[in-house]
């Protein structure tokens, strides 16, 4: 029972990490595609990596 619980927790944490990396890469590529500078795109990448939910939501608001 404990092994199943630990495996579930591990998979949720690992899945969240993978989702964070994927959304951060998407934000970076989207920023570059919209013609923003590399510095701005790197700032977006770092912000979404370290502040996943808040950074992603803020980027969605300011991307246009």
PDB file of N, CA and C in Angstrom:
ATOM      1  N   UNK A   1       0.822  -1.194   0.000  1.00  0.00           N
ATOM      2  CA  UNK A   1       0.000   0.000   0.000  1.00  0.00           C
ATOM      3  C   UNK A   1       0.865   1.256   0.000  1.00  0.00           C
ATOM      4  N   UNK A   2       1.907   1.251   0.831  1.00  0.00           N
ATOM      5  CA  UNK A   2       2.792   2.412   0.873  1.00  0.00           C
ATOM      6  C   UNK A   2       3.545   2.590  -0.437  1.00  0.00           C
ATOM      7  N   UNK A   3       3.906   1.488  -1.065  1.00  0.00           N
ATOM      8  CA  UNK A   3       4.647   1.574  -2.325  1.00  0.00           C
ATOM      9  C   UNK A   3       3.787   2.203  -3.411  1.00  0.00           C
ATOM     10  N   UNK A   4       2.521   1.860  -3.453  1.00  0.00           N
ATOM     11  CA  UNK A   4       1.616   2.437  -4.453  1.00  0.00           C
ATOM     12  C   UNK A   4       1.443   3.926  -4.200  1.00  0.00           C
ATOM     13  N   UNK A   5       1.301   4.307  -2.942  1.00  0.00           N
ATOM     14  CA  UNK A   5       1.161   5.720  -2.602  1.00  0.00           C
ATOM     15  C   UNK A   5       2.415   6.500  -2.984  1.00  0.00           C
ATOM     16  N   UNK A   6       3.576   5.962  -2.666  1.00  0.00           N
ATOM     17  CA  UNK A   6       4.834   6.636  -2.995  1.00  0.00           C
ATOM     18  C   UNK A   6       5.023   6.739  -4.508  1.00  0.00           C
ATOM     19  N   UNK A   7       4.658   5.693  -5.234  1.00  0.00           N
ATOM     20  CA  UNK A   7       4.759   5.720  -6.687  1.00  0.00           C
ATOM     21  C   UNK A   7       3.823   6.769  -7.276  1.00  0.00           C
ATOM     22  N   UNK A   8       2.618   6.868  -6.735  1.00  0.00           N
ATOM     23  CA  UNK A   8       1.655   7.866  -7.203  1.00  0.00           C
ATOM     24  C   UNK A   8       2.172   9.276  -6.952  1.00  0.00           C
ATOM     25  N   UNK A   9       2.700   9.520  -5.775  1.00  0.00           N
ATOM     26  CA  UNK A   9       3.248  10.835  -5.447  1.00  0.00           C
ATOM     27  C   UNK A   9       4.426  11.159  -6.365  1.00  0.00           C
ATOM     28  N   UNK A  10       5.304  10.195  -6.566  1.00  0.00           N
ATOM     29  CA  UNK A  10       6.452  10.408  -7.452  1.00  0.00           C
ATOM     30  C   UNK A  10       6.001  10.726  -8.869  1.00  0.00           C
ATOM     31  N   UNK A  11       5.032   9.995  -9.387  1.00  0.00           N
ATOM     32  CA  UNK A  11       4.554  10.235 -10.750  1.00  0.00           C
ATOM     33  C   UNK A  11       3.880  11.596 -10.884  1.00  0.00           C
ATOM     34  N   UNK A  12       3.154  12.026  -9.867  1.00  0.00           N
ATOM     35  CA  UNK A  12       2.529  13.348  -9.908  1.00  0.00           C
ATOM     36  C   UNK A  12       3.577  14.460  -9.897  1.00  0.00           C
ATOM     37  N   UNK A  13       4.578  14.317  -9.057  1.00  0.00           N
ATOM     38  CA  UNK A  13       5.641  15.325  -8.999  1.00  0.00           C
ATOM     39  C   UNK A  13       6.438  15.334 -10.300  1.00  0.00           C
ATOM     40  N   UNK A  14       6.790  14.172 -10.804  1.00  0.00           N
ATOM     41  CA  UNK A  14       7.543  14.078 -12.054  1.00  0.00           C
ATOM     42  C   UNK A  14       6.724  14.614 -13.225  1.00  0.00           C
ATOM     43  N   UNK A  15       5.439  14.293 -13.263  1.00  0.00           N
ATOM     44  CA  UNK A  15       4.562  14.805 -14.312  1.00  0.00           C
ATOM     45  C   UNK A  15       4.439  16.317 -14.260  1.00  0.00           C
ATOM     46  N   UNK A  16       4.347  16.871 -13.059  1.00  0.00           N
ATOM     47  CA  UNK A  16       4.296  18.323 -12.909  1.00  0.00           C
ATOM     48  C   UNK A  16       5.576  18.987 -13.374  1.00  0.00           C
ATOM     49  N   UNK A  17       6.703  18.356 -13.089  1.00  0.00           N
ATOM     50  CA  UNK A  17       7.988  18.896 -13.537  1.00  0.00           C
ATOM     51  C   UNK A  17       8.086  18.885 -15.059  1.00  0.00           C
ATOM     52  N   UNK A  18       7.684  17.786 -15.672  1.00  0.00           N
ATOM     53  CA  UNK A  18       7.714  17.684 -17.136  1.00  0.00           C
ATOM     54  C   UNK A  18       6.774  18.708 -17.755  1.00  0.00           C
ATOM     55  N   UNK A  19       5.587  18.873 -17.184  1.00  0.00           N
ATOM     56  CA  UNK A  19       4.639  19.870 -17.685  1.00  0.00           C
ATOM     57  C   UNK A  19       5.215  21.279 -17.554  1.00  0.00           C
ATOM     58  N   UNK A  20       5.905  21.554 -16.469  1.00  0.00           N
ATOM     59  CA  UNK A  20       6.545  22.856 -16.264  1.00  0.00           C
ATOM     60  C   UNK A  20       7.596  23.112 -17.341  1.00  0.00           C
ATOM     61  N   UNK A  21       8.419  22.135 -17.631  1.00  0.00           N
ATOM     62  CA  UNK A  21       9.457  22.299 -18.649  1.00  0.00           C
ATOM     63  C   UNK A  21       8.832  22.507 -20.028  1.00  0.00           C
ATOM     64  N   UNK A  22       7.795  21.739 -20.349  1.00  0.00           N
ATOM     65  CA  UNK A  22       7.143  21.860 -21.655  1.00  0.00           C
ATOM     66  C   UNK A  22       6.504  23.234 -21.825  1.00  0.00           C
ATOM     67  N   UNK A  23       5.794  23.719 -20.811  1.00  0.00           N
ATOM     68  CA  UNK A  23       5.163  25.036 -20.937  1.00  0.00           C
ATOM     69  C   UNK A  23       6.207  26.152 -20.983  1.00  0.00           C
ATOM     70  N   UNK A  24       7.313  25.984 -20.281  1.00  0.00           N
ATOM     71  CA  UNK A  24       8.370  26.994 -20.322  1.00  0.00           C
ATOM     72  C   UNK A  24       8.999  27.072 -21.710  1.00  0.00           C
ATOM     73  N   UNK A  25       9.256  25.920 -22.307  1.00  0.00           N
ATOM     74  CA  UNK A  25       9.809  25.904 -23.663  1.00  0.00           C
ATOM     75  C   UNK A  25       8.816  26.493 -24.647  1.00  0.00           C
ATOM     76  N   UNK A  26       7.535  26.195 -24.487  1.00  0.00           N
ATOM     77  CA  UNK A  26       6.516  26.773 -25.367  1.00  0.00           C
ATOM     78  C   UNK A  26       6.488  28.294 -25.245  1.00  0.00           C
ATOM     79  N   UNK A  27       6.552  28.803 -24.022  1.00  0.00           N
ATOM     80  CA  UNK A  27       6.555  30.261 -23.822  1.00  0.00           C
ATOM     81  C   UNK A  27       7.772  30.893 -24.481  1.00  0.00           C
ATOM     82  N   UNK A  28       8.934  30.271 -24.344  1.00  0.00           N
ATOM     83  CA  UNK A  28      10.151  30.801 -24.961  1.00  0.00           C
ATOM     84  C   UNK A  28      10.011  30.840 -26.478  1.00  0.00           C
ATOM     85  N   UNK A  29       9.582  29.733 -27.068  1.00  0.00           N
ATOM     86  CA  UNK A  29       9.431  29.678 -28.526  1.00  0.00           C
ATOM     87  C   UNK A  29       8.358  30.636 -29.019  1.00  0.00           C
ATOM     88  N   UNK A  30       7.272  30.762 -28.273  1.00  0.00           N
ATOM     89  CA  UNK A  30       6.208  31.684 -28.660  1.00  0.00           C
ATOM     90  C   UNK A  30       6.701  33.122 -28.618  1.00  0.00           C
ATOM     91  N   UNK A  31       7.490  33.439 -27.618  1.00  0.00           N
ATOM     92  CA  UNK A  31       8.038  34.786 -27.506  1.00  0.00           C
ATOM     93  C   UNK A  31       8.992  35.083 -28.664  1.00  0.00           C
ATOM     94  N   UNK A  32       9.821  34.126 -29.031  1.00  0.00           N
ATOM     95  CA  UNK A  32      10.730  34.319 -30.165  1.00  0.00           C
ATOM     96  C   UNK A  32       9.948  34.432 -31.473  1.00  0.00           C
ATOM     97  N   UNK A  33       8.909  33.629 -31.618  1.00  0.00           N
ATOM     98  CA  UNK A  33       8.100  33.650 -32.838  1.00  0.00           C
ATOM     99  C   UNK A  33       7.385  34.984 -33.016  1.00  0.00           C
ATOM    100  N   UNK A  34       7.014  35.618 -31.921  1.00  0.00           N
ATOM    101  CA  UNK A  34       6.325  36.906 -31.996  1.00  0.00           C
ATOM    102  C   UNK A  34       7.294  38.061 -32.230  1.00  0.00           C
ATOM    103  N   UNK A  35       8.578  37.768 -32.353  1.00  0.00           N
ATOM    104  CA  UNK A  35       9.553  38.794 -32.707  1.00  0.00           C
ATOM    105  C   UNK A  35      10.165  39.529 -31.537  1.00  0.00           C
ATOM    106  N   UNK A  36      10.024  39.005 -30.332  1.00  0.00           N
ATOM    107  CA  UNK A  36      10.638  39.654 -29.172  1.00  0.00           C
ATOM    108  C   UNK A  36      12.134  39.358 -29.137  1.00  0.00           C
ATOM    109  N   UNK A  37      12.866  40.156 -28.392  1.00  0.00           N
ATOM    110  CA  UNK A  37      14.318  39.978 -28.308  1.00  0.00           C
ATOM    111  C   UNK A  37      14.662  38.692 -27.555  1.00  0.00           C
ATOM    112  N   UNK A  38      15.909  38.250 -27.742  1.00  0.00           N
ATOM    113  CA  UNK A  38      16.356  37.043 -27.047  1.00  0.00           C
ATOM    114  C   UNK A  38      16.381  37.246 -25.542  1.00  0.00           C
ATOM    115  N   UNK A  39      16.726  38.457 -25.109  1.00  0.00           N
ATOM    116  CA  UNK A  39      16.778  38.739 -23.674  1.00  0.00           C
ATOM    117  C   UNK A  39      15.393  38.618 -23.051  1.00  0.00           C
ATOM    118  N   UNK A  40      14.395  39.175 -23.725  1.00  0.00           N
ATOM    119  CA  UNK A  40      13.019  39.079 -23.228  1.00  0.00           C
ATOM    120  C   UNK A  40      12.571  37.620 -23.205  1.00  0.00           C
ATOM    121  N   UNK A  41      12.906  36.878 -24.243  1.00  0.00           N
ATOM    122  CA  UNK A  41      12.517  35.471 -24.307  1.00  0.00           C
ATOM    123  C   UNK A  41      13.181  34.662 -23.202  1.00  0.00           C
ATOM    124  N   UNK A  42      14.446  34.956 -22.913  1.00  0.00           N
ATOM    125  CA  UNK A  42      15.123  34.267 -21.808  1.00  0.00           C
ATOM    126  C   UNK A  42      14.507  34.635 -20.463  1.00  0.00           C
ATOM    127  N   UNK A  43      14.109  35.889 -20.314  1.00  0.00           N
ATOM    128  CA  UNK A  43      13.432  36.312 -19.091  1.00  0.00           C
ATOM    129  C   UNK A  43      12.115  35.556 -18.920  1.00  0.00           C
ATOM    130  N   UNK A  44      11.382  35.398 -20.013  1.00  0.00           N
ATOM    131  CA  UNK A  44      10.132  34.628 -19.977  1.00  0.00           C
ATOM    132  C   UNK A  44      10.420  33.181 -19.602  1.00  0.00           C
ATOM    133  N   UNK A  45      11.458  32.601 -20.182  1.00  0.00           N
ATOM    134  CA  UNK A  45      11.818  31.214 -19.887  1.00  0.00           C
ATOM    135  C   UNK A  45      12.158  31.031 -18.413  1.00  0.00           C
ATOM    136  N   UNK A  46      12.985  31.903 -17.871  1.00  0.00           N
ATOM    137  CA  UNK A  46      13.385  31.800 -16.461  1.00  0.00           C
ATOM    138  C   UNK A  46      12.188  32.022 -15.544  1.00  0.00           C
ATOM    139  N   UNK A  47      11.350  33.000 -15.885  1.00  0.00           N
ATOM    140  CA  UNK A  47      10.178  33.288 -15.049  1.00  0.00           C
ATOM    141  C   UNK A  47       9.220  32.106 -15.014  1.00  0.00           C
ATOM    142  N   UNK A  48       9.002  31.469 -16.161  1.00  0.00           N
ATOM    143  CA  UNK A  48       8.073  30.335 -16.168  1.00  0.00           C
ATOM    144  C   UNK A  48       8.693  29.079 -15.562  1.00  0.00           C
ATOM    145  N   UNK A  49      10.020  28.976 -15.570  1.00  0.00           N
ATOM    146  CA  UNK A  49      10.650  27.828 -14.916  1.00  0.00           C
ATOM    147  C   UNK A  49      10.588  27.943 -13.396  1.00  0.00           C
ATOM    148  N   UNK A  50      10.854  29.146 -12.863  1.00  0.00           N
ATOM    149  CA  UNK A  50      10.906  29.310 -11.416  1.00  0.00           C
ATOM    150  C   UNK A  50       9.556  29.633 -10.783  1.00  0.00           C
ATOM    151  N   UNK A  51       8.649  30.216 -11.546  1.00  0.00           N
ATOM    152  CA  UNK A  51       7.301  30.523 -11.058  1.00  0.00           C
ATOM    153  C   UNK A  51       6.296  29.954 -12.056  1.00  0.00           C
ATOM    154  N   UNK A  52       6.105  28.635 -12.061  1.00  0.00           N
ATOM    155  CA  UNK A  52       5.395  27.975 -13.156  1.00  0.00           C
ATOM    156  C   UNK A  52       3.981  28.489 -13.404  1.00  0.00           C
ATOM    157  N   UNK A  53       3.139  28.469 -12.433  1.00  0.00           N
ATOM    158  CA  UNK A  53       1.739  28.826 -12.660  1.00  0.00           C
ATOM    159  C   UNK A  53       1.594  30.329 -12.855  1.00  0.00           C
ATOM    160  N   UNK A  54       2.162  31.098 -11.949  1.00  0.00           N
ATOM    161  CA  UNK A  54       2.039  32.557 -12.015  1.00  0.00           C
ATOM    162  C   UNK A  54       2.747  33.100 -13.258  1.00  0.00           C
ATOM    163  N   UNK A  55       3.943  32.615 -13.545  1.00  0.00           N
ATOM    164  CA  UNK A  55       4.683  33.078 -14.711  1.00  0.00           C
ATOM    165  C   UNK A  55       3.964  32.777 -16.012  1.00  0.00           C
ATOM    166  N   UNK A  56       3.369  31.596 -16.106  1.00  0.00           N
ATOM    167  CA  UNK A  56       2.635  31.210 -17.316  1.00  0.00           C
ATOM    168  C   UNK A  56       1.397  32.073 -17.505  1.00  0.00           C
ATOM    169  N   UNK A  57       0.663  32.313 -16.431  1.00  0.00           N
ATOM    170  CA  UNK A  57      -0.550  33.138 -16.520  1.00  0.00           C
ATOM    171  C   UNK A  57      -0.191  34.574 -16.890  1.00  0.00           C
ATOM    172  N   UNK A  58       0.839  35.125 -16.268  1.00  0.00           N
ATOM    173  CA  UNK A  58       1.256  36.493 -16.594  1.00  0.00           C
ATOM    174  C   UNK A  58       1.712  36.576 -18.046  1.00  0.00           C
ATOM    175  N   UNK A  59       2.460  35.577 -18.502  1.00  0.00           N
ATOM    176  CA  UNK A  59       2.900  35.600 -19.898  1.00  0.00           C
ATOM    177  C   UNK A  59       1.705  35.562 -20.851  1.00  0.00           C
ATOM    178  N   UNK A  60       0.703  34.763 -20.536  1.00  0.00           N
ATOM    179  CA  UNK A  60      -0.477  34.706 -21.403  1.00  0.00           C
ATOM    180  C   UNK A  60      -1.188  36.050 -21.469  1.00  0.00           C
ATOM    181  N   UNK A  61      -1.160  36.817 -20.381  1.00  0.00           N
ATOM    182  CA  UNK A  61      -1.790  38.140 -20.390  1.00  0.00           C
ATOM    183  C   UNK A  61      -0.976  39.159 -21.183  1.00  0.00           C
ATOM    184  N   UNK A  62       0.352  39.110 -21.091  1.00  0.00           N
ATOM    185  CA  UNK A  62       1.168  40.153 -21.713  1.00  0.00           C
ATOM    186  C   UNK A  62       1.720  39.756 -23.075  1.00  0.00           C
ATOM    187  N   UNK A  63       1.425  38.586 -23.575  1.00  0.00           N
ATOM    188  CA  UNK A  63       2.050  38.129 -24.816  1.00  0.00           C
ATOM    189  C   UNK A  63       1.613  38.915 -26.028  1.00  0.00           C
ATOM    190  N   UNK A  64       0.440  39.495 -26.027  1.00  0.00           N
ATOM    191  CA  UNK A  64      -0.011  40.262 -27.193  1.00  0.00           C
ATOM    192  C   UNK A  64       0.352  41.666 -26.943  1.00  0.00           C
TER     193      UNK A  64
END
